[in-house]
Amino acid sequence: MNIVIGALLVLLLAASAGVVFARKPRRQVLALSVNGFVLTGLFMALQAPDVAYSEIVVGGVALPIVFLGGLAALRTEEKHPEA
């Protein structure tokens, strides 16, 4: 069991680094979602299924959808120079 937890912690480190080092906001949101799913696996390995279910809903699905909605609202159209 310790090997599984160690492997999940390494995956969590990689997913967290992906969130930090991603340059584009959409990739950051995708990495954040992956981070939520890895945390879900870690919580299941630590025998905390209620926290894992909350994490999969909030961290894996709801929060990325909110962030993508915010990014879509912030999109600006390219302005063409007047001729």
Protein backbone atom coordinates (compact mmCIF):
# COMPACT_ATOMS: atom_id res chain seq x y z
CA MET A 1 0.00 0.00 0.00
CA ASN A 2 2.89 2.38 0.70
CA ILE A 3 4.11 1.90 -2.88
CA VAL A 4 0.73 2.99 -4.24
CA ILE A 5 0.66 6.07 -2.02
CA GLY A 6 4.23 6.93 -3.01
CA ALA A 7 3.41 6.56 -6.70
CA LEU A 8 0.33 8.75 -6.30
CA LEU A 9 2.39 11.38 -4.50
CA VAL A 10 4.88 11.41 -7.38
CA LEU A 11 1.99 11.76 -9.86
CA LEU A 12 0.58 14.56 -7.72
CA LEU A 13 3.93 16.34 -7.82
CA ALA A 14 4.05 16.02 -11.61
CA ALA A 15 0.45 17.23 -12.00
CA SER A 16 1.08 20.18 -9.69
CA ALA A 17 4.19 21.10 -11.65
CA GLY A 18 2.07 20.96 -14.79
CA VAL A 19 -0.31 23.52 -13.32
CA VAL A 20 2.53 25.84 -12.34
CA PHE A 21 4.62 25.58 -15.50
CA ALA A 22 1.84 25.57 -18.12
CA ARG A 23 1.91 28.79 -20.12
CA LYS A 24 -1.56 28.87 -21.62
CA PRO A 25 -4.59 29.25 -19.33
CA ARG A 26 -6.51 26.40 -20.96
CA ARG A 27 -3.62 24.03 -20.38
CA GLN A 28 -3.46 25.19 -16.78
CA VAL A 29 -7.14 24.36 -16.33
CA LEU A 30 -6.60 20.93 -17.88
CA ALA A 31 -3.64 20.32 -15.57
CA LEU A 32 -5.74 21.48 -12.62
CA SER A 33 -8.39 18.93 -13.54
CA VAL A 34 -5.77 16.18 -13.78
CA ASN A 35 -4.47 17.30 -10.41
CA GLY A 36 -7.98 16.88 -8.97
CA PHE A 37 -8.28 13.36 -10.34
CA VAL A 38 -4.86 12.38 -8.95
CA LEU A 39 -5.90 13.77 -5.57
CA THR A 40 -9.04 11.66 -5.81
CA GLY A 41 -6.92 8.55 -6.28
CA LEU A 42 -4.73 9.54 -3.34
CA PHE A 43 -7.73 10.04 -1.08
CA MET A 44 -9.12 6.66 -2.12
CA ALA A 45 -5.75 5.04 -1.33
CA LEU A 46 -5.79 6.73 2.07
CA GLN A 47 -9.28 5.25 2.66
CA ALA A 48 -11.17 8.52 2.68
CA PRO A 49 -13.90 7.91 0.08
CA ASP A 50 -16.13 10.79 1.19
CA VAL A 51 -13.32 13.29 0.62
CA ALA A 52 -12.46 11.57 -2.67
CA TYR A 53 -16.02 11.94 -3.95
CA SER A 54 -16.02 15.62 -3.01
CA GLU A 55 -12.65 16.12 -4.72
CA ILE A 56 -13.75 14.45 -7.95
CA VAL A 57 -16.82 16.67 -8.14
CA VAL A 58 -15.20 19.93 -7.08
CA GLY A 59 -11.55 19.63 -8.11
CA GLY A 60 -11.96 17.41 -11.13
CA VAL A 61 -15.13 18.74 -12.73
CA ALA A 62 -16.79 21.84 -11.25
CA LEU A 63 -13.79 24.11 -10.72
CA PRO A 64 -12.33 23.55 -14.22
CA ILE A 65 -15.75 24.24 -15.75
CA VAL A 66 -15.99 27.51 -13.80
CA PHE A 67 -12.48 28.51 -14.89
CA LEU A 68 -13.18 27.65 -18.54
CA GLY A 69 -16.38 29.69 -18.36
CA GLY A 70 -14.41 32.62 -16.97
CA LEU A 71 -11.83 32.28 -19.73
CA ALA A 72 -14.58 32.22 -22.34
CA ALA A 73 -16.09 35.38 -20.87
CA LEU A 74 -12.73 37.15 -21.00
CA ARG A 75 -12.07 36.40 -24.65
CA THR A 76 -11.63 39.52 -26.68
CA GLU A 77 -11.93 39.74 -30.39
CA GLU A 78 -8.94 40.85 -32.36
CA LYS A 79 -9.27 44.42 -33.49
CA HIS A 80 -8.51 45.11 -37.12
CA PRO A 81 -6.64 48.31 -37.88
CA GLU A 82 -8.72 50.90 -39.60
CA ALA A 83 -7.74 51.43 -43.22
